Every structure is written in C-alpha cells, then in structure tokens.
Amino acid sequence: MHNILVVFFSQSGQMRAILERVVAPLEGKTSITWELIRPERSYRFPWTLQTFFDTFPESVRGIPCALKPAGFDSSAKYDLVVLGYQPWYLSPSIPFISFLKSESGRRVLKGAPVVTVIGCRNMWLSAQEKTKRLLREVGARLCGNIVLQDTAGNLSSAITIVYWMLTGKRDRFLKIFPEPGVRRADVQAAERFGRVILETLEKGELDRLQPALLQEKAVSVIPYLAALEKRADRIFDVWSSFVMKQGGPGSGARTRRLWLFRIYLVPALLIGSPLTYIVSSVVNLLRGDALRKELAYYSGVELRD
C-alpha cells in the first residue's frame, strides 16, 4: 500500500474540503497521513483589516513564521506528498512557505514526488513559480498541479473575498454578488483528480501525471489575468520593500505606509484591471505561438532556469 502525506494550511476550511475531495478516491487504497500546518502565532479567521494588510510585506518577501512541531515522521519516506496552499498577495501563504523552509519540511520533501493543490480567488501563477523554486531547492520532484479557483469576474470576486475574509460569512454579499470562494460544485467534482492520481501512482507513472490531470482540466490559465498578475507582482515587490523599511509587524511608521498601500489598491483595482484587460486582449491577438507557449508553460510543472 502506497504511503501518502497530505500537508496543508487552512483558515476557513475551504482547503481542507478541497483536499478531502481530491484524495477521496485514494482512501482505503493507500495509507494517508494528514498534517495541518500550525503557526505558533495563529492567523485567526475571520481576519481583521489591520492583520490582513500587515501580512502583506512578509508574504511577498517569503519571510517564514515559527511553526509548531510537525505531527508526522519527517524521516519517513512517502510515495507521494500532496501540498495544499493558498496564495497571499500573489505569493504562497506565510504558513505554507514556512513549512517548505522548515527542517521537517525540507527533510520530508527531499527526493519526494509532489502534487500541489491550490485553492484561490483567481491569481496563482506567481505563487506557483515561487513554490516550484522552493521545491527544486529542497530536491522535491513536482509531478502535478491542481488549481481550484473562484470563477466569478475579477472585480466581483475581489469584493466577495474581502467580505468573506473580514466577516467569516460565505453568503451572497448584499444578495447581489455571487457566493465567495471556489464553487461548492467544483470542490465536489475534484474527486476526478484523485482518480487520476491513484491510477498513475499504481502504475508507477507519476511522470505522466500532469498531462493526465490537464485532460481533466486541472489547470486553467487566463491570458488577461496572467498579464494583470505579472504587473501586480512587480508593484507588490516595490510596495513590500517600501513598507518593510519602517520595521516589523505592528510598528507605527509601517502602519502608516500600509494605509498608503490600502489607498493605492482601490483605484489600482478599479482602473488597472479593466485597462489591463483591454490592452492584453489586443496584445495577445498578436502574440500567437508565444502566447500558446506561455500558457502551456504555466499549465505544466517544469521550472524555467
């Protein structure tokens, strides 16, 4: 019987629900060990507005937090490690990146085949690129990637996710906007990915896992969002550096700079998002093969040098 380790971080419970559906076909046919990443200082849900923004610089910079001791045997060898995470500010969440950089994380991932499972609003490319690099550094072998995302429009999903994060309520905001997060029907349908994982695992063909997952539509790369994310990632890098020059979380000067960042975000979202959509739509018509190669790259598991 194959041994599988499932490692994840979840505040709202959505990631746990996604992973339960993904690994459901493997239950009883493999031995599954679950590991919830537990920061020493918990990230409470729902968020406060101050805490939400105060995680911004460290998220972008990939600065880890202290974790409670792992509950699994990090010296054990697993036939597959499933990593579930959420992007925070276009980067892997602080708890998740802390696991990847921890001693137990590095030890268990070295030489291990890995499948990443992302639950997000709609932007995950930058976070996955950073995750790929960290997995390469520890000697892990990324075999598959599954992305479940909010299918609502960019502006409406930005509003609903903030509503969910700050209130803990997952109903329709003002009874007008769609329900926030990954659609429940999409979560339930994620079992199909588990069946693909089980088949390739039993056949010893994990090298062909990602092409098989793509046949089940495990990843969807939207050109306009890819262009928007590239632009936003560069801007976040500048802002995070600007904020961190005024000290660590909670410092007064840093808080003032975070207020400036908040003020910047609203017009950037309302103006930059539609403008990027128009410009990228025109540009992408001219890119042809270059665009197809880019979409194929982000759909895969390889890392550019």
Foldseek 3Di string as FASTA:
>chain_A
DFEEEEEEEDALCPQVLLVCLLQVVCPPVYHYHYKYWAFPDDQHFLHAPQVLLQQLLCQLVLPAGHTDDTPDDLQDAGQEYEYEFERRLQATHRSSSNLLPDPSNLSNQAAYEYEYEYWYAAHHLSHLLVVLVSSVVSNHHYLYYFYFHRPDDPVLQVVQVNVCSNPVDQCAVVVPGHGHTGDPVVSNVSNVLNVLVVVCSVVVNSNCSLVVVVVVVRDDDDQLSVQVSVVSSVVSNVLSVVLCVQDHRPDDVSSVSSVVVVVVPPCCSVPVSVVSNVVRVVVVVVCPPVVVVVRVVSSDSDHDD
